[in-house]
All heavy atoms as atom14 arrays in JSON, in Angstrom:
{
  "sequence": "KGIRGWVMGKVMGRAGAKVPSPNRITLLRDKDHDGIAETRTVFLENLN",
  "atom14_mask": [
    [1, 1, 1, 1, 1, 1, 1, 1, 1, 0, 0, 0, 0, 0],
    [1, 1, 1, 1, 0, 0, 0, 0, 0, 0, 0, 0, 0, 0],
    [1, 1, 1, 1, 1, 1, 1, 1, 0, 0, 0, 0, 0, 0],
    [1, 1, 1, 1, 1, 1, 1, 1, 1, 1, 1, 0, 0, 0],
    [1, 1, 1, 1, 0, 0, 0, 0, 0, 0, 0, 0, 0, 0],
    [1, 1, 1, 1, 1, 1, 1, 1, 1, 1, 1, 1, 1, 1],
    [1, 1, 1, 1, 1, 1, 1, 0, 0, 0, 0, 0, 0, 0],
    [1, 1, 1, 1, 1, 1, 1, 1, 0, 0, 0, 0, 0, 0],
    [1, 1, 1, 1, 0, 0, 0, 0, 0, 0, 0, 0, 0, 0],
    [1, 1, 1, 1, 1, 1, 1, 1, 1, 0, 0, 0, 0, 0],
    [1, 1, 1, 1, 1, 1, 1, 0, 0, 0, 0, 0, 0, 0],
    [1, 1, 1, 1, 1, 1, 1, 1, 0, 0, 0, 0, 0, 0],
    [1, 1, 1, 1, 0, 0, 0, 0, 0, 0, 0, 0, 0, 0],
    [1, 1, 1, 1, 1, 1, 1, 1, 1, 1, 1, 0, 0, 0],
    [1, 1, 1, 1, 1, 0, 0, 0, 0, 0, 0, 0, 0, 0],
    [1, 1, 1, 1, 0, 0, 0, 0, 0, 0, 0, 0, 0, 0],
    [1, 1, 1, 1, 1, 0, 0, 0, 0, 0, 0, 0, 0, 0],
    [1, 1, 1, 1, 1, 1, 1, 1, 1, 0, 0, 0, 0, 0],
    [1, 1, 1, 1, 1, 1, 1, 0, 0, 0, 0, 0, 0, 0],
    [1, 1, 1, 1, 1, 1, 1, 0, 0, 0, 0, 0, 0, 0],
    [1, 1, 1, 1, 1, 1, 0, 0, 0, 0, 0, 0, 0, 0],
    [1, 1, 1, 1, 1, 1, 1, 0, 0, 0, 0, 0, 0, 0],
    [1, 1, 1, 1, 1, 1, 1, 1, 0, 0, 0, 0, 0, 0],
    [1, 1, 1, 1, 1, 1, 1, 1, 1, 1, 1, 0, 0, 0],
    [1, 1, 1, 1, 1, 1, 1, 1, 0, 0, 0, 0, 0, 0],
    [1, 1, 1, 1, 1, 1, 1, 0, 0, 0, 0, 0, 0, 0],
    [1, 1, 1, 1, 1, 1, 1, 1, 0, 0, 0, 0, 0, 0],
    [1, 1, 1, 1, 1, 1, 1, 1, 0, 0, 0, 0, 0, 0],
    [1, 1, 1, 1, 1, 1, 1, 1, 1, 1, 1, 0, 0, 0],
    [1, 1, 1, 1, 1, 1, 1, 1, 0, 0, 0, 0, 0, 0],
    [1, 1, 1, 1, 1, 1, 1, 1, 1, 0, 0, 0, 0, 0],
    [1, 1, 1, 1, 1, 1, 1, 1, 0, 0, 0, 0, 0, 0],
    [1, 1, 1, 1, 1, 1, 1, 1, 1, 1, 0, 0, 0, 0],
    [1, 1, 1, 1, 1, 1, 1, 1, 0, 0, 0, 0, 0, 0],
    [1, 1, 1, 1, 0, 0, 0, 0, 0, 0, 0, 0, 0, 0],
    [1, 1, 1, 1, 1, 1, 1, 1, 0, 0, 0, 0, 0, 0],
    [1, 1, 1, 1, 1, 0, 0, 0, 0, 0, 0, 0, 0, 0],
    [1, 1, 1, 1, 1, 1, 1, 1, 1, 0, 0, 0, 0, 0],
    [1, 1, 1, 1, 1, 1, 1, 0, 0, 0, 0, 0, 0, 0],
    [1, 1, 1, 1, 1, 1, 1, 1, 1, 1, 1, 0, 0, 0],
    [1, 1, 1, 1, 1, 1, 1, 0, 0, 0, 0, 0, 0, 0],
    [1, 1, 1, 1, 1, 1, 1, 0, 0, 0, 0, 0, 0, 0],
    [1, 1, 1, 1, 1, 1, 1, 1, 1, 1, 1, 0, 0, 0],
    [1, 1, 1, 1, 1, 1, 1, 1, 0, 0, 0, 0, 0, 0],
    [1, 1, 1, 1, 1, 1, 1, 1, 1, 0, 0, 0, 0, 0],
    [1, 1, 1, 1, 1, 1, 1, 1, 0, 0, 0, 0, 0, 0],
    [1, 1, 1, 1, 1, 1, 1, 1, 0, 0, 0, 0, 0, 0],
    [1, 1, 1, 1, 1, 1, 1, 1, 0, 0, 0, 0, 0, 0]
  ],
  "atom14_positions": [
    [[107.39, 69.68, 87.23], [107.81, 68.32, 87.45], [107.55, 67.53, 86.22], [106.62, 67.76, 85.49], [107.17, 67.67, 88.65], [107.62, 68.25, 90.01], [106.97, 67.55, 91.14], [107.5, 68.09, 92.49], [106.84, 67.37, 93.62], [0.0, 0.0, 0.0], [0.0, 0.0, 0.0], [0.0, 0.0, 0.0], [0.0, 0.0, 0.0], [0.0, 0.0, 0.0]],
    [[108.38, 66.53, 85.99], [108.14, 65.53, 84.96], [108.48, 66.11, 83.59], [108.9, 67.22, 83.43], [0.0, 0.0, 0.0], [0.0, 0.0, 0.0], [0.0, 0.0, 0.0], [0.0, 0.0, 0.0], [0.0, 0.0, 0.0], [0.0, 0.0, 0.0], [0.0, 0.0, 0.0], [0.0, 0.0, 0.0], [0.0, 0.0, 0.0], [0.0, 0.0, 0.0]],
    [[108.09, 65.33, 82.58], [108.41, 65.72, 81.2], [107.53, 66.87, 80.75], [108.05, 67.83, 80.11], [108.2, 64.47, 80.3], [109.25, 63.42, 80.54], [108.31, 64.91, 78.8], [109.04, 62.06, 79.84], [0.0, 0.0, 0.0], [0.0, 0.0, 0.0], [0.0, 0.0, 0.0], [0.0, 0.0, 0.0], [0.0, 0.0, 0.0], [0.0, 0.0, 0.0]],
    [[106.29, 66.78, 81.06], [105.39, 67.93, 80.74], [105.8, 69.2, 81.31], [105.95, 70.22, 80.55], [103.92, 67.64, 81.22], [103.0, 68.82, 80.96], [101.62, 68.52, 81.6], [100.88, 67.43, 80.92], [100.08, 67.65, 79.87], [99.92, 68.88, 79.46], [99.46, 66.66, 79.33], [0.0, 0.0, 0.0], [0.0, 0.0, 0.0], [0.0, 0.0, 0.0]],
    [[106.25, 69.27, 82.54], [106.71, 70.46, 83.18], [107.98, 70.99, 82.51], [108.2, 72.22, 82.35], [0.0, 0.0, 0.0], [0.0, 0.0, 0.0], [0.0, 0.0, 0.0], [0.0, 0.0, 0.0], [0.0, 0.0, 0.0], [0.0, 0.0, 0.0], [0.0, 0.0, 0.0], [0.0, 0.0, 0.0], [0.0, 0.0, 0.0], [0.0, 0.0, 0.0]],
    [[108.89, 70.03, 82.2], [110.21, 70.45, 81.58], [109.93, 71.07, 80.28], [110.51, 72.08, 79.88], [111.08, 69.14, 81.45], [112.48, 69.55, 81.04], [113.55, 69.68, 81.82], [112.91, 69.66, 79.67], [114.7, 69.97, 81.07], [114.31, 69.89, 79.71], [112.32, 69.57, 78.41], [115.12, 70.13, 78.58], [113.05, 69.67, 77.29], [114.44, 69.96, 77.39]],
    [[109.05, 70.39, 79.43], [108.75, 70.93, 78.16], [108.1, 72.33, 78.26], [108.53, 73.25, 77.5], [107.83, 69.94, 77.34], [107.37, 70.63, 76.05], [108.62, 68.65, 77.0], [0.0, 0.0, 0.0], [0.0, 0.0, 0.0], [0.0, 0.0, 0.0], [0.0, 0.0, 0.0], [0.0, 0.0, 0.0], [0.0, 0.0, 0.0], [0.0, 0.0, 0.0]],
    [[107.18, 72.48, 79.12], [106.47, 73.8, 79.25], [107.46, 74.81, 79.68], [107.42, 76.02, 79.22], [105.34, 73.69, 80.31], [104.12, 72.93, 79.76], [103.51, 73.62, 78.19], [103.07, 75.31, 78.72], [0.0, 0.0, 0.0], [0.0, 0.0, 0.0], [0.0, 0.0, 0.0], [0.0, 0.0, 0.0], [0.0, 0.0, 0.0], [0.0, 0.0, 0.0]],
    [[108.38, 74.44, 80.56], [109.42, 75.49, 80.93], [110.2, 75.94, 79.83], [110.57, 77.11, 79.66], [0.0, 0.0, 0.0], [0.0, 0.0, 0.0], [0.0, 0.0, 0.0], [0.0, 0.0, 0.0], [0.0, 0.0, 0.0], [0.0, 0.0, 0.0], [0.0, 0.0, 0.0], [0.0, 0.0, 0.0], [0.0, 0.0, 0.0], [0.0, 0.0, 0.0]],
    [[110.7, 75.01, 78.96], [111.37, 75.36, 77.72], [110.61, 76.29, 76.83], [111.06, 77.22, 76.23], [111.9, 74.14, 77.08], [112.93, 73.37, 77.78], [114.21, 74.15, 78.02], [115.28, 73.38, 78.67], [116.47, 74.19, 79.05], [0.0, 0.0, 0.0], [0.0, 0.0, 0.0], [0.0, 0.0, 0.0], [0.0, 0.0, 0.0], [0.0, 0.0, 0.0]],
    [[109.34, 75.87, 76.67], [108.46, 76.68, 75.75], [108.31, 78.1, 76.28], [108.48, 79.1, 75.53], [107.03, 75.98, 75.6], [106.02, 76.94, 75.0], [107.12, 74.73, 74.85], [0.0, 0.0, 0.0], [0.0, 0.0, 0.0], [0.0, 0.0, 0.0], [0.0, 0.0, 0.0], [0.0, 0.0, 0.0], [0.0, 0.0, 0.0], [0.0, 0.0, 0.0]],
    [[108.0, 78.25, 77.55], [107.86, 79.56, 78.15], [109.07, 80.39, 78.08], [109.11, 81.58, 77.93], [107.27, 79.45, 79.55], [105.84, 78.88, 79.65], [104.63, 79.87, 78.76], [104.37, 78.89, 77.25], [0.0, 0.0, 0.0], [0.0, 0.0, 0.0], [0.0, 0.0, 0.0], [0.0, 0.0, 0.0], [0.0, 0.0, 0.0], [0.0, 0.0, 0.0]],
    [[110.23, 79.75, 78.23], [111.55, 80.4, 78.19], [111.78, 81.02, 76.82], [112.17, 82.21, 76.73], [0.0, 0.0, 0.0], [0.0, 0.0, 0.0], [0.0, 0.0, 0.0], [0.0, 0.0, 0.0], [0.0, 0.0, 0.0], [0.0, 0.0, 0.0], [0.0, 0.0, 0.0], [0.0, 0.0, 0.0], [0.0, 0.0, 0.0], [0.0, 0.0, 0.0]],
    [[111.55, 80.26, 75.76], [111.75, 80.76, 74.46], [110.7, 81.89, 74.07], [110.99, 82.78, 73.34], [111.64, 79.72, 73.38], [112.72, 78.64, 73.42], [112.73, 77.8, 72.16], [113.1, 78.6, 70.97], [112.95, 78.12, 69.73], [112.46, 76.93, 69.58], [113.39, 78.84, 68.71], [0.0, 0.0, 0.0], [0.0, 0.0, 0.0], [0.0, 0.0, 0.0]],
    [[109.54, 81.84, 74.72], [108.55, 82.82, 74.47], [108.76, 84.07, 75.3], [107.95, 85.01, 75.23], [107.18, 82.26, 74.71], [0.0, 0.0, 0.0], [0.0, 0.0, 0.0], [0.0, 0.0, 0.0], [0.0, 0.0, 0.0], [0.0, 0.0, 0.0], [0.0, 0.0, 0.0], [0.0, 0.0, 0.0], [0.0, 0.0, 0.0], [0.0, 0.0, 0.0]],
    [[109.77, 84.14, 76.18], [110.03, 85.34, 76.96], [109.33, 85.4, 78.32], [109.25, 86.44, 78.92], [0.0, 0.0, 0.0], [0.0, 0.0, 0.0], [0.0, 0.0, 0.0], [0.0, 0.0, 0.0], [0.0, 0.0, 0.0], [0.0, 0.0, 0.0], [0.0, 0.0, 0.0], [0.0, 0.0, 0.0], [0.0, 0.0, 0.0], [0.0, 0.0, 0.0]],
    [[108.82, 84.21, 78.73], [108.0, 84.23, 79.95], [108.69, 83.55, 81.2], [108.05, 83.17, 82.16], [106.67, 83.45, 79.71], [0.0, 0.0, 0.0], [0.0, 0.0, 0.0], [0.0, 0.0, 0.0], [0.0, 0.0, 0.0], [0.0, 0.0, 0.0], [0.0, 0.0, 0.0], [0.0, 0.0, 0.0], [0.0, 0.0, 0.0], [0.0, 0.0, 0.0]],
    [[110.03, 83.37, 81.19], [110.7, 82.83, 82.23], [111.63, 83.72, 82.96], [112.42, 83.31, 83.85], [111.46, 81.54, 81.76], [110.56, 80.38, 81.35], [109.89, 79.76, 82.47], [110.79, 78.9, 83.29], [110.05, 78.16, 84.4], [0.0, 0.0, 0.0], [0.0, 0.0, 0.0], [0.0, 0.0, 0.0], [0.0, 0.0, 0.0], [0.0, 0.0, 0.0]],
    [[111.64, 85.05, 82.69], [112.53, 85.97, 83.42], [111.96, 86.04, 84.89], [110.77, 85.88, 85.16], [112.49, 87.32, 82.73], [113.09, 87.2, 81.38], [111.14, 87.97, 82.71], [0.0, 0.0, 0.0], [0.0, 0.0, 0.0], [0.0, 0.0, 0.0], [0.0, 0.0, 0.0], [0.0, 0.0, 0.0], [0.0, 0.0, 0.0], [0.0, 0.0, 0.0]],
    [[112.87, 86.31, 85.82], [112.41, 86.48, 87.22], [111.45, 87.59, 87.37], [111.57, 88.57, 86.69], [113.75, 86.7, 87.98], [114.82, 86.22, 87.09], [114.34, 86.41, 85.7], [0.0, 0.0, 0.0], [0.0, 0.0, 0.0], [0.0, 0.0, 0.0], [0.0, 0.0, 0.0], [0.0, 0.0, 0.0], [0.0, 0.0, 0.0], [0.0, 0.0, 0.0]],
    [[110.49, 87.42, 88.26], [109.5, 88.5, 88.42], [110.07, 89.68, 89.2], [110.66, 89.51, 90.27], [108.33, 87.93, 89.19], [107.39, 88.97, 89.39], [0.0, 0.0, 0.0], [0.0, 0.0, 0.0], [0.0, 0.0, 0.0], [0.0, 0.0, 0.0], [0.0, 0.0, 0.0], [0.0, 0.0, 0.0], [0.0, 0.0, 0.0], [0.0, 0.0, 0.0]],
    [[109.95, 90.89, 88.71], [110.38, 92.09, 89.39], [109.57, 92.37, 90.67], [110.09, 93.06, 91.59], [110.18, 93.21, 88.39], [110.14, 92.57, 87.02], [109.46, 91.19, 87.34], [0.0, 0.0, 0.0], [0.0, 0.0, 0.0], [0.0, 0.0, 0.0], [0.0, 0.0, 0.0], [0.0, 0.0, 0.0], [0.0, 0.0, 0.0], [0.0, 0.0, 0.0]],
    [[108.34, 91.86, 90.73], [107.5, 91.97, 91.88], [107.28, 93.39, 92.39], [107.31, 93.69, 93.56], [108.08, 91.11, 93.09], [108.0, 89.68, 92.79], [106.99, 89.18, 92.09], [108.84, 88.87, 93.41], [0.0, 0.0, 0.0], [0.0, 0.0, 0.0], [0.0, 0.0, 0.0], [0.0, 0.0, 0.0], [0.0, 0.0, 0.0], [0.0, 0.0, 0.0]],
    [[107.05, 94.27, 91.38], [106.78, 95.65, 91.79], [105.7, 96.28, 90.88], [105.43, 95.84, 89.8], [108.05, 96.51, 91.79], [108.64, 96.67, 90.34], [109.83, 97.65, 90.38], [110.43, 97.71, 89.01], [111.54, 97.03, 88.68], [112.25, 96.36, 89.6], [112.11, 97.12, 87.49], [0.0, 0.0, 0.0], [0.0, 0.0, 0.0], [0.0, 0.0, 0.0]],
    [[105.27, 97.43, 91.39], [104.36, 98.23, 90.6], [105.04, 99.63, 90.45], [105.53, 100.19, 91.45], [103.0, 98.43, 91.27], [102.27, 97.09, 91.27], [102.16, 99.53, 90.6], [100.96, 97.04, 91.99], [0.0, 0.0, 0.0], [0.0, 0.0, 0.0], [0.0, 0.0, 0.0], [0.0, 0.0, 0.0], [0.0, 0.0, 0.0], [0.0, 0.0, 0.0]],
    [[105.13, 100.1, 89.28], [105.82, 101.37, 88.93], [104.87, 102.42, 88.54], [103.79, 102.1, 87.89], [106.83, 101.17, 87.82], [107.88, 100.3, 88.29], [107.45, 102.45, 87.32], [0.0, 0.0, 0.0], [0.0, 0.0, 0.0], [0.0, 0.0, 0.0], [0.0, 0.0, 0.0], [0.0, 0.0, 0.0], [0.0, 0.0, 0.0], [0.0, 0.0, 0.0]],
    [[105.01, 103.62, 89.0], [104.11, 104.74, 88.65], [104.79, 105.55, 87.54], [105.97, 105.89, 87.65], [103.92, 105.66, 89.91], [103.0, 106.83, 89.67], [102.03, 107.1, 90.88], [103.76, 108.13, 89.37], [0.0, 0.0, 0.0], [0.0, 0.0, 0.0], [0.0, 0.0, 0.0], [0.0, 0.0, 0.0], [0.0, 0.0, 0.0], [0.0, 0.0, 0.0]],
    [[103.97, 105.84, 86.51], [104.43, 106.65, 85.36], [103.58, 107.9, 85.35], [102.31, 107.87, 85.43], [104.24, 105.88, 84.03], [104.94, 104.51, 83.95], [104.49, 103.77, 82.69], [106.41, 104.61, 84.02], [0.0, 0.0, 0.0], [0.0, 0.0, 0.0], [0.0, 0.0, 0.0], [0.0, 0.0, 0.0], [0.0, 0.0, 0.0], [0.0, 0.0, 0.0]],
    [[104.23, 109.05, 85.18], [103.5, 110.33, 85.16], [103.94, 111.17, 83.98], [105.08, 111.35, 83.68], [103.78, 111.13, 86.45], [103.14, 112.47, 86.52], [103.34, 113.14, 87.89], [102.55, 112.46, 88.89], [102.64, 112.76, 90.18], [103.53, 113.7, 90.58], [101.94, 112.09, 91.08], [0.0, 0.0, 0.0], [0.0, 0.0, 0.0], [0.0, 0.0, 0.0]],
    [[102.92, 111.52, 83.2], [103.11, 112.45, 82.03], [102.52, 113.82, 82.45], [101.41, 114.18, 82.1], [102.35, 111.84, 80.82], [102.51, 112.75, 79.62], [103.35, 113.69, 79.61], [101.7, 112.57, 78.65], [0.0, 0.0, 0.0], [0.0, 0.0, 0.0], [0.0, 0.0, 0.0], [0.0, 0.0, 0.0], [0.0, 0.0, 0.0], [0.0, 0.0, 0.0]],
    [[103.35, 114.59, 83.17], [102.84, 115.82, 83.77], [102.53, 116.89, 82.69], [101.61, 117.62, 82.84], [103.9, 116.38, 84.68], [103.4, 117.58, 85.54], [104.41, 117.99, 86.57], [103.91, 119.13, 87.4], [104.88, 119.47, 88.51], [0.0, 0.0, 0.0], [0.0, 0.0, 0.0], [0.0, 0.0, 0.0], [0.0, 0.0, 0.0], [0.0, 0.0, 0.0]],
    [[103.32, 116.89, 81.6], [103.08, 117.97, 80.61], [102.2, 117.42, 79.4], [102.03, 118.12, 78.48], [104.44, 118.45, 80.03], [105.29, 117.3, 79.44], [104.79, 116.19, 79.33], [106.41, 117.61, 79.04], [0.0, 0.0, 0.0], [0.0, 0.0, 0.0], [0.0, 0.0, 0.0], [0.0, 0.0, 0.0], [0.0, 0.0, 0.0], [0.0, 0.0, 0.0]],
    [[101.67, 116.2, 79.57], [100.71, 115.64, 78.65], [101.2, 115.63, 77.2], [100.42, 115.87, 76.27], [99.34, 116.5, 78.66], [98.81, 116.59, 80.04], [98.51, 115.4, 80.79], [98.45, 117.65, 80.79], [97.96, 115.82, 81.96], [97.9, 117.14, 82.0], [0.0, 0.0, 0.0], [0.0, 0.0, 0.0], [0.0, 0.0, 0.0], [0.0, 0.0, 0.0]],
    [[102.49, 115.37, 77.05], [103.08, 115.2, 75.68], [103.1, 113.79, 75.2], [103.61, 113.5, 74.11], [104.48, 115.86, 75.66], [105.48, 115.04, 76.42], [105.02, 114.12, 77.24], [106.68, 115.25, 76.33], [0.0, 0.0, 0.0], [0.0, 0.0, 0.0], [0.0, 0.0, 0.0], [0.0, 0.0, 0.0], [0.0, 0.0, 0.0], [0.0, 0.0, 0.0]],
    [[102.52, 112.91, 75.94], [102.43, 111.5, 75.47], [103.64, 110.63, 75.88], [103.67, 109.52, 75.49], [0.0, 0.0, 0.0], [0.0, 0.0, 0.0], [0.0, 0.0, 0.0], [0.0, 0.0, 0.0], [0.0, 0.0, 0.0], [0.0, 0.0, 0.0], [0.0, 0.0, 0.0], [0.0, 0.0, 0.0], [0.0, 0.0, 0.0], [0.0, 0.0, 0.0]],
    [[104.55, 111.18, 76.7], [105.67, 110.44, 77.15], [105.75, 110.65, 78.64], [105.7, 111.74, 79.18], [106.98, 110.98, 76.56], [106.91, 110.79, 75.02], [108.14, 110.21, 77.1], [108.07, 111.41, 74.27], [0.0, 0.0, 0.0], [0.0, 0.0, 0.0], [0.0, 0.0, 0.0], [0.0, 0.0, 0.0], [0.0, 0.0, 0.0], [0.0, 0.0, 0.0]],
    [[105.93, 109.51, 79.43], [106.01, 109.62, 80.88], [107.37, 110.08, 81.26], [108.39, 109.35, 81.03], [105.72, 108.2, 81.45], [0.0, 0.0, 0.0], [0.0, 0.0, 0.0], [0.0, 0.0, 0.0], [0.0, 0.0, 0.0], [0.0, 0.0, 0.0], [0.0, 0.0, 0.0], [0.0, 0.0, 0.0], [0.0, 0.0, 0.0], [0.0, 0.0, 0.0]],
    [[107.51, 111.24, 81.8], [108.84, 111.79, 82.14], [109.2, 111.5, 83.58], [110.38, 111.55, 84.04], [108.92, 113.31, 81.95], [108.01, 114.14, 82.77], [106.64, 114.37, 82.18], [106.41, 113.83, 81.12], [105.82, 115.0, 82.89], [0.0, 0.0, 0.0], [0.0, 0.0, 0.0], [0.0, 0.0, 0.0], [0.0, 0.0, 0.0], [0.0, 0.0, 0.0]],
    [[108.23, 111.06, 84.38], [108.46, 110.69, 85.84], [108.14, 109.17, 85.96], [107.12, 108.69, 85.54], [107.59, 111.43, 86.76], [107.84, 112.87, 86.65], [107.78, 111.08, 88.19], [0.0, 0.0, 0.0], [0.0, 0.0, 0.0], [0.0, 0.0, 0.0], [0.0, 0.0, 0.0], [0.0, 0.0, 0.0], [0.0, 0.0, 0.0], [0.0, 0.0, 0.0]],
    [[109.15, 108.52, 86.6], [108.98, 107.05, 86.84], [109.48, 106.75, 88.28], [110.59, 107.07, 88.62], [109.78, 106.23, 85.88], [109.68, 104.71, 86.11], [110.5, 103.93, 85.09], [110.3, 104.36, 83.74], [110.85, 103.75, 82.7], [111.74, 102.79, 82.79], [110.65, 104.2, 81.43], [0.0, 0.0, 0.0], [0.0, 0.0, 0.0], [0.0, 0.0, 0.0]],
    [[108.6, 106.22, 89.13], [108.92, 105.89, 90.53], [108.49, 104.5, 90.88], [107.5, 104.03, 90.34], [108.42, 106.92, 91.49], [106.95, 106.89, 91.35], [108.86, 108.28, 91.25], [0.0, 0.0, 0.0], [0.0, 0.0, 0.0], [0.0, 0.0, 0.0], [0.0, 0.0, 0.0], [0.0, 0.0, 0.0], [0.0, 0.0, 0.0], [0.0, 0.0, 0.0]],
    [[109.2, 103.86, 91.8], [108.78, 102.59, 92.31], [107.63, 102.87, 93.32], [107.81, 103.51, 94.34], [109.86, 101.84, 93.04], [109.36, 100.56, 93.68], [111.02, 101.55, 92.09], [0.0, 0.0, 0.0], [0.0, 0.0, 0.0], [0.0, 0.0, 0.0], [0.0, 0.0, 0.0], [0.0, 0.0, 0.0], [0.0, 0.0, 0.0], [0.0, 0.0, 0.0]],
    [[106.45, 102.45, 92.94], [105.18, 102.82, 93.71], [104.99, 101.76, 94.82], [104.77, 102.1, 95.97], [104.08, 102.85, 92.77], [102.75, 103.3, 93.4], [102.63, 104.69, 93.7], [101.74, 102.43, 93.57], [101.41, 105.15, 94.26], [100.52, 102.9, 94.11], [100.34, 104.27, 94.45], [0.0, 0.0, 0.0], [0.0, 0.0, 0.0], [0.0, 0.0, 0.0]],
    [[105.17, 100.52, 94.51], [105.1, 99.38, 95.45], [106.2, 98.4, 95.09], [106.39, 98.05, 93.89], [103.75, 98.77, 95.48], [102.57, 99.57, 96.08], [101.24, 98.89, 95.75], [102.78, 99.64, 97.62], [0.0, 0.0, 0.0], [0.0, 0.0, 0.0], [0.0, 0.0, 0.0], [0.0, 0.0, 0.0], [0.0, 0.0, 0.0], [0.0, 0.0, 0.0]],
    [[106.8, 97.75, 96.08], [107.77, 96.76, 95.77], [107.67, 95.56, 96.76], [106.84, 95.62, 97.73], [109.18, 97.36, 95.8], [109.61, 98.0, 97.09], [110.95, 98.69, 96.96], [111.74, 98.32, 96.04], [111.19, 99.6, 97.81], [0.0, 0.0, 0.0], [0.0, 0.0, 0.0], [0.0, 0.0, 0.0], [0.0, 0.0, 0.0], [0.0, 0.0, 0.0]],
    [[108.47, 94.53, 96.56], [108.38, 93.33, 97.43], [107.09, 92.71, 97.45], [106.6, 92.17, 98.48], [108.91, 93.68, 98.86], [110.27, 94.31, 98.93], [111.16, 93.82, 98.23], [110.51, 95.35, 99.67], [0.0, 0.0, 0.0], [0.0, 0.0, 0.0], [0.0, 0.0, 0.0], [0.0, 0.0, 0.0], [0.0, 0.0, 0.0], [0.0, 0.0, 0.0]],
    [[106.44, 92.66, 96.3], [105.21, 91.98, 96.11], [105.48, 90.58, 95.63], [106.58, 90.17, 95.54], [104.26, 92.75, 95.19], [103.95, 94.22, 95.56], [103.28, 94.98, 94.36], [102.95, 94.18, 96.74], [0.0, 0.0, 0.0], [0.0, 0.0, 0.0], [0.0, 0.0, 0.0], [0.0, 0.0, 0.0], [0.0, 0.0, 0.0], [0.0, 0.0, 0.0]],
    [[104.37, 89.84, 95.43], [104.42, 88.36, 94.98], [103.72, 88.23, 93.7], [102.57, 87.86, 93.68], [103.99, 87.51, 96.1], [104.26, 86.06, 95.78], [105.1, 85.66, 94.96], [103.54, 85.12, 96.42], [0.0, 0.0, 0.0], [0.0, 0.0, 0.0], [0.0, 0.0, 0.0], [0.0, 0.0, 0.0], [0.0, 0.0, 0.0], [0.0, 0.0, 0.0]]
  ]
}
């Protein structure tokens, strides 16, 4: 709200911090230990 809130919203937007929250936790698995996660699954979703 107000001027302070408007300004902070613009600042955070330019800094990349205003995208909608995905609200999830993703699991990454590097089964072959080559330093790259070859498995990716939605572990938990619909969080806040």
